[in-house]
Amino acid sequence: MRNKIIASMLAFFLGWFGAHKFYLGQTGWGIAYLLLCWTGVPFIAGFVEFLILLSTSDEVFDHRFNSALPSGTNFNLLEQAQGIEKLAELYNKGLITDEEFETKRRQLLERM
């Protein structure tokens, strides 16, 4: 599970090399930072991202950077329950078939 403080410290100290981007799973951006590190632009962007990461709430950070992690991590059960409710609404309105409903429902339940 990625940590907001670690990401922000990487952005502050090694932001011009894109270390925080690699840590957050944004490899493409990390490579771009490496290619442009001699220009000074990544240094400024890294400092701005340091400030943004520090001011981001834990919930927003987790949703943005930890929600796509594989199973075995802590998923927000409330979000999963809301997803099942929305899926049931689609099913009740006739917008998805029985098979689609069951497949998606099982996927959501496996992530809990």
N, C-alpha and C. Protein backbone atom coordinates (compact mmCIF):
# COMPACT_ATOMS: atom_id res chain seq x y z
N MET A 1 0.85 -1.17 0.00
CA MET A 1 0.00 0.00 0.00
C MET A 1 0.89 1.23 0.00
N ARG A 2 0.59 2.15 -0.89
CA ARG A 2 1.41 3.35 -1.02
C ARG A 2 1.09 4.34 0.10
N ASN A 3 2.12 5.06 0.52
CA ASN A 3 2.01 5.98 1.64
C ASN A 3 2.15 7.41 1.15
N LYS A 4 1.25 8.27 1.61
CA LYS A 4 1.23 9.68 1.18
C LYS A 4 2.49 10.41 1.62
N ILE A 5 2.97 10.17 2.83
CA ILE A 5 4.15 10.87 3.34
C ILE A 5 5.40 10.46 2.55
N ILE A 6 5.53 9.19 2.26
CA ILE A 6 6.68 8.73 1.47
C ILE A 6 6.65 9.35 0.09
N ALA A 7 5.47 9.36 -0.53
CA ALA A 7 5.35 9.95 -1.87
C ALA A 7 5.70 11.43 -1.84
N SER A 8 5.25 12.16 -0.85
CA SER A 8 5.54 13.59 -0.79
C SER A 8 7.02 13.85 -0.51
N MET A 9 7.65 13.02 0.32
CA MET A 9 9.09 13.19 0.57
C MET A 9 9.91 12.87 -0.68
N LEU A 10 9.50 11.86 -1.42
CA LEU A 10 10.18 11.56 -2.68
C LEU A 10 10.03 12.72 -3.67
N ALA A 11 8.84 13.33 -3.69
CA ALA A 11 8.62 14.47 -4.58
C ALA A 11 9.50 15.65 -4.16
N PHE A 12 9.68 15.85 -2.87
CA PHE A 12 10.49 16.97 -2.38
C PHE A 12 11.98 16.75 -2.64
N PHE A 13 12.49 15.58 -2.27
CA PHE A 13 13.93 15.35 -2.35
C PHE A 13 14.41 14.83 -3.71
N LEU A 14 13.60 14.03 -4.38
CA LEU A 14 14.01 13.44 -5.66
C LEU A 14 12.99 13.71 -6.77
N GLY A 15 12.24 14.78 -6.63
CA GLY A 15 11.20 15.10 -7.59
C GLY A 15 11.71 15.36 -8.99
N TRP A 16 12.89 15.93 -9.12
CA TRP A 16 13.41 16.24 -10.45
C TRP A 16 13.78 14.99 -11.22
N PHE A 17 13.94 13.85 -10.53
CA PHE A 17 14.19 12.58 -11.19
C PHE A 17 12.91 11.76 -11.37
N GLY A 18 11.80 12.23 -10.81
CA GLY A 18 10.53 11.52 -10.94
C GLY A 18 10.38 10.33 -10.03
N ALA A 19 11.15 10.28 -8.94
CA ALA A 19 11.08 9.13 -8.03
C ALA A 19 9.67 8.93 -7.48
N HIS A 20 8.98 10.02 -7.17
CA HIS A 20 7.62 9.91 -6.64
C HIS A 20 6.66 9.34 -7.67
N LYS A 21 6.91 9.64 -8.94
CA LYS A 21 6.05 9.09 -10.00
C LYS A 21 6.21 7.58 -10.12
N PHE A 22 7.45 7.12 -10.04
CA PHE A 22 7.68 5.68 -10.07
C PHE A 22 7.04 5.02 -8.85
N TYR A 23 7.19 5.63 -7.69
CA TYR A 23 6.62 5.08 -6.46
C TYR A 23 5.09 4.98 -6.55
N LEU A 24 4.46 5.98 -7.18
CA LEU A 24 3.01 6.00 -7.28
C LEU A 24 2.48 5.17 -8.46
N GLY A 25 3.36 4.50 -9.16
CA GLY A 25 2.93 3.63 -10.26
C GLY A 25 2.71 4.34 -11.57
N GLN A 26 3.18 5.57 -11.68
CA GLN A 26 3.03 6.35 -12.91
C GLN A 26 4.37 6.33 -13.66
N THR A 27 4.70 5.16 -14.19
CA THR A 27 5.99 4.94 -14.82
C THR A 27 6.24 5.85 -16.01
N GLY A 28 5.23 6.07 -16.81
CA GLY A 28 5.37 6.94 -17.98
C GLY A 28 5.79 8.35 -17.58
N TRP A 29 5.15 8.88 -16.56
CA TRP A 29 5.52 10.21 -16.07
C TRP A 29 6.92 10.18 -15.46
N GLY A 30 7.26 9.11 -14.78
CA GLY A 30 8.60 8.99 -14.21
C GLY A 30 9.68 9.04 -15.27
N ILE A 31 9.45 8.36 -16.38
CA ILE A 31 10.40 8.38 -17.49
C ILE A 31 10.48 9.79 -18.09
N ALA A 32 9.34 10.45 -18.21
CA ALA A 32 9.34 11.82 -18.73
C ALA A 32 10.15 12.74 -17.83
N TYR A 33 10.01 12.59 -16.53
CA TYR A 33 10.80 13.40 -15.58
C TYR A 33 12.29 13.12 -15.76
N LEU A 34 12.65 11.85 -15.93
CA LEU A 34 14.05 11.51 -16.13
C LEU A 34 14.61 12.12 -17.41
N LEU A 35 13.82 12.07 -18.47
CA LEU A 35 14.29 12.62 -19.74
C LEU A 35 14.43 14.14 -19.71
N LEU A 36 13.63 14.80 -18.87
CA LEU A 36 13.65 16.26 -18.82
C LEU A 36 14.36 16.81 -17.58
N CYS A 37 15.01 15.96 -16.79
CA CYS A 37 15.58 16.41 -15.53
C CYS A 37 16.64 17.50 -15.71
N TRP A 38 17.29 17.55 -16.85
CA TRP A 38 18.32 18.57 -17.09
C TRP A 38 17.73 19.95 -17.35
N THR A 39 16.41 20.05 -17.62
CA THR A 39 15.79 21.33 -17.93
C THR A 39 15.37 22.13 -16.71
N GLY A 40 15.20 21.49 -15.58
CA GLY A 40 14.74 22.18 -14.39
C GLY A 40 13.23 22.16 -14.23
N VAL A 41 12.51 21.84 -15.29
CA VAL A 41 11.06 21.80 -15.23
C VAL A 41 10.58 20.74 -14.24
N PRO A 42 11.14 19.53 -14.23
CA PRO A 42 10.70 18.54 -13.26
C PRO A 42 10.98 18.95 -11.81
N PHE A 43 12.00 19.77 -11.59
CA PHE A 43 12.28 20.25 -10.24
C PHE A 43 11.11 21.09 -9.73
N ILE A 44 10.63 21.99 -10.57
CA ILE A 44 9.50 22.84 -10.20
C ILE A 44 8.24 22.01 -10.05
N ALA A 45 8.00 21.11 -11.00
CA ALA A 45 6.80 20.26 -10.96
C ALA A 45 6.85 19.35 -9.73
N GLY A 46 8.02 18.83 -9.40
CA GLY A 46 8.15 17.97 -8.22
C GLY A 46 7.83 18.72 -6.94
N PHE A 47 8.26 19.99 -6.85
CA PHE A 47 7.96 20.78 -5.66
C PHE A 47 6.46 21.07 -5.56
N VAL A 48 5.84 21.39 -6.70
CA VAL A 48 4.39 21.64 -6.71
C VAL A 48 3.65 20.38 -6.32
N GLU A 49 4.08 19.24 -6.85
CA GLU A 49 3.42 17.98 -6.50
C GLU A 49 3.66 17.61 -5.04
N PHE A 50 4.80 17.99 -4.48
CA PHE A 50 5.05 17.80 -3.06
C PHE A 50 3.98 18.53 -2.24
N LEU A 51 3.71 19.77 -2.60
CA LEU A 51 2.69 20.55 -1.90
C LEU A 51 1.29 19.95 -2.09
N ILE A 52 1.01 19.51 -3.29
CA ILE A 52 -0.30 18.92 -3.58
C ILE A 52 -0.48 17.62 -2.79
N LEU A 53 0.54 16.78 -2.78
CA LEU A 53 0.45 15.51 -2.06
C LEU A 53 0.26 15.74 -0.57
N LEU A 54 0.95 16.72 0.00
CA LEU A 54 0.80 17.00 1.42
C LEU A 54 -0.59 17.52 1.77
N SER A 55 -1.19 18.27 0.86
CA SER A 55 -2.50 18.85 1.15
C SER A 55 -3.66 17.92 0.79
N THR A 56 -3.37 16.82 0.12
CA THR A 56 -4.41 15.86 -0.25
C THR A 56 -4.84 15.05 0.97
N SER A 57 -6.14 14.86 1.12
CA SER A 57 -6.63 14.06 2.25
C SER A 57 -6.24 12.59 2.05
N ASP A 58 -6.20 11.86 3.14
CA ASP A 58 -5.85 10.44 3.07
C ASP A 58 -6.84 9.66 2.22
N GLU A 59 -8.12 10.00 2.32
CA GLU A 59 -9.15 9.29 1.55
C GLU A 59 -8.96 9.49 0.06
N VAL A 60 -8.69 10.72 -0.35
CA VAL A 60 -8.49 11.02 -1.77
C VAL A 60 -7.22 10.33 -2.26
N PHE A 61 -6.16 10.39 -1.48
CA PHE A 61 -4.90 9.74 -1.86
C PHE A 61 -5.11 8.23 -2.04
N ASP A 62 -5.77 7.60 -1.07
CA ASP A 62 -6.02 6.16 -1.16
C ASP A 62 -6.88 5.81 -2.36
N HIS A 63 -7.89 6.61 -2.62
CA HIS A 63 -8.76 6.34 -3.76
C HIS A 63 -7.98 6.47 -5.07
N ARG A 64 -7.11 7.45 -5.13
CA ARG A 64 -6.38 7.70 -6.37
C ARG A 64 -5.23 6.73 -6.60
N PHE A 65 -4.48 6.40 -5.55
CA PHE A 65 -3.26 5.63 -5.74
C PHE A 65 -3.30 4.22 -5.16
N ASN A 66 -4.25 3.90 -4.30
CA ASN A 66 -4.28 2.57 -3.70
C ASN A 66 -5.48 1.73 -4.11
N SER A 67 -6.45 2.29 -4.80
CA SER A 67 -7.65 1.52 -5.14
C SER A 67 -7.40 0.50 -6.23
N ALA A 68 -6.36 0.66 -7.03
CA ALA A 68 -6.10 -0.28 -8.12
C ALA A 68 -5.13 -1.38 -7.73
N LEU A 69 -4.74 -1.43 -6.47
CA LEU A 69 -3.82 -2.47 -6.03
C LEU A 69 -4.52 -3.82 -6.01
N PRO A 70 -3.78 -4.90 -6.20
CA PRO A 70 -4.40 -6.23 -6.22
C PRO A 70 -5.00 -6.61 -4.88
N SER A 71 -5.76 -7.71 -4.89
CA SER A 71 -6.43 -8.14 -3.67
C SER A 71 -5.41 -8.43 -2.58
N GLY A 72 -5.89 -8.35 -1.35
CA GLY A 72 -5.00 -8.49 -0.22
C GLY A 72 -4.74 -7.14 0.43
N THR A 73 -5.16 -6.07 -0.23
CA THR A 73 -5.02 -4.74 0.35
C THR A 73 -6.35 -4.36 0.98
N ASN A 74 -6.38 -3.30 1.75
CA ASN A 74 -7.60 -2.86 2.41
C ASN A 74 -8.47 -2.07 1.44
N PHE A 75 -9.60 -2.61 1.11
CA PHE A 75 -10.54 -1.90 0.26
C PHE A 75 -11.61 -1.28 1.14
N ASN A 76 -12.11 -0.17 0.70
CA ASN A 76 -13.15 0.51 1.45
C ASN A 76 -14.46 -0.24 1.28
N LEU A 77 -14.95 -0.86 2.35
CA LEU A 77 -16.15 -1.68 2.28
C LEU A 77 -17.38 -0.84 1.92
N LEU A 78 -17.42 0.41 2.37
CA LEU A 78 -18.54 1.28 2.04
C LEU A 78 -18.62 1.51 0.54
N GLU A 79 -17.48 1.75 -0.10
CA GLU A 79 -17.46 1.92 -1.55
C GLU A 79 -17.91 0.66 -2.26
N GLN A 80 -17.51 -0.50 -1.76
CA GLN A 80 -17.92 -1.76 -2.37
C GLN A 80 -19.43 -1.96 -2.24
N ALA A 81 -19.98 -1.64 -1.08
CA ALA A 81 -21.42 -1.77 -0.88
C ALA A 81 -22.18 -0.82 -1.79
N GLN A 82 -21.68 0.39 -1.93
CA GLN A 82 -22.33 1.34 -2.83
C GLN A 82 -22.27 0.86 -4.27
N GLY A 83 -21.16 0.23 -4.64
CA GLY A 83 -21.04 -0.33 -5.99
C GLY A 83 -22.08 -1.42 -6.24
N ILE A 84 -22.31 -2.26 -5.25
CA ILE A 84 -23.31 -3.32 -5.39
C ILE A 84 -24.70 -2.72 -5.49
N GLU A 85 -24.96 -1.67 -4.72
CA GLU A 85 -26.27 -0.99 -4.79
C GLU A 85 -26.50 -0.39 -6.17
N LYS A 86 -25.49 0.25 -6.72
CA LYS A 86 -25.62 0.83 -8.06
C LYS A 86 -25.83 -0.24 -9.10
N LEU A 87 -25.12 -1.36 -8.93
CA LEU A 87 -25.28 -2.49 -9.84
C LEU A 87 -26.71 -3.03 -9.78
N ALA A 88 -27.27 -3.13 -8.58
CA ALA A 88 -28.65 -3.59 -8.42
C ALA A 88 -29.63 -2.63 -9.07
N GLU A 89 -29.36 -1.33 -8.98
CA GLU A 89 -30.23 -0.35 -9.64
C GLU A 89 -30.23 -0.54 -11.15
N LEU A 90 -29.06 -0.77 -11.72
CA LEU A 90 -28.96 -1.01 -13.17
C LEU A 90 -29.74 -2.27 -13.56
N TYR A 91 -29.62 -3.29 -12.72
CA TYR A 91 -30.31 -4.55 -12.99
C TYR A 91 -31.83 -4.35 -12.91
N ASN A 92 -32.28 -3.64 -11.88
CA ASN A 92 -33.72 -3.41 -11.70
C ASN A 92 -34.31 -2.56 -12.82
N LYS A 93 -33.52 -1.69 -13.39
CA LYS A 93 -33.99 -0.85 -14.50
C LYS A 93 -33.93 -1.59 -15.83
N GLY A 94 -33.36 -2.79 -15.81
CA GLY A 94 -33.27 -3.59 -17.03
C GLY A 94 -32.13 -3.18 -17.95
N LEU A 95 -31.15 -2.46 -17.41
CA LEU A 95 -30.04 -1.99 -18.24
C LEU A 95 -28.92 -3.01 -18.38
N ILE A 96 -28.90 -4.02 -17.50
CA ILE A 96 -27.93 -5.10 -17.62
C ILE A 96 -28.66 -6.43 -17.46
N THR A 97 -28.09 -7.47 -18.03
CA THR A 97 -28.71 -8.79 -18.00
C THR A 97 -28.41 -9.49 -16.68
N ASP A 98 -29.09 -10.63 -16.47
CA ASP A 98 -28.85 -11.44 -15.27
C ASP A 98 -27.39 -11.87 -15.19
N GLU A 99 -26.87 -12.29 -16.31
CA GLU A 99 -25.49 -12.78 -16.36
C GLU A 99 -24.49 -11.66 -16.03
N GLU A 100 -24.70 -10.47 -16.61
CA GLU A 100 -23.83 -9.33 -16.33
C GLU A 100 -23.89 -8.94 -14.85
N PHE A 101 -25.10 -8.95 -14.30
CA PHE A 101 -25.28 -8.60 -12.90
C PHE A 101 -24.51 -9.56 -12.00
N GLU A 102 -24.67 -10.87 -12.23
CA GLU A 102 -23.99 -11.86 -11.39
C GLU A 102 -22.47 -11.78 -11.52
N THR A 103 -21.99 -11.58 -12.74
CA THR A 103 -20.54 -11.49 -12.95
C THR A 103 -19.96 -10.30 -12.20
N LYS A 104 -20.56 -9.14 -12.36
CA LYS A 104 -20.07 -7.93 -11.69
C LYS A 104 -20.23 -8.02 -10.18
N ARG A 105 -21.33 -8.60 -9.73
CA ARG A 105 -21.58 -8.74 -8.30
C ARG A 105 -20.50 -9.62 -7.66
N ARG A 106 -20.17 -10.73 -8.32
CA ARG A 106 -19.14 -11.62 -7.81
C ARG A 106 -17.78 -10.92 -7.77
N GLN A 107 -17.48 -10.13 -8.80
CA GLN A 107 -16.23 -9.39 -8.81
C GLN A 107 -16.13 -8.43 -7.64
N LEU A 108 -17.22 -7.74 -7.37
CA LEU A 108 -17.24 -6.79 -6.25
C LEU A 108 -17.12 -7.51 -4.91
N LEU A 109 -17.80 -8.63 -4.77
CA LEU A 109 -17.75 -9.38 -3.52
C LEU A 109 -16.37 -10.00 -3.28
N GLU A 110 -15.67 -10.39 -4.34
CA GLU A 110 -14.34 -10.96 -4.19
C GLU A 110 -13.34 -9.93 -3.67
N ARG A 111 -13.59 -8.66 -3.95
CA ARG A 111 -12.68 -7.60 -3.52
C ARG A 111 -12.90 -7.20 -2.06
N MET A 112 -13.97 -7.68 -1.44
CA MET A 112 -14.27 -7.30 -0.04
C MET A 112 -13.40 -8.07 0.92
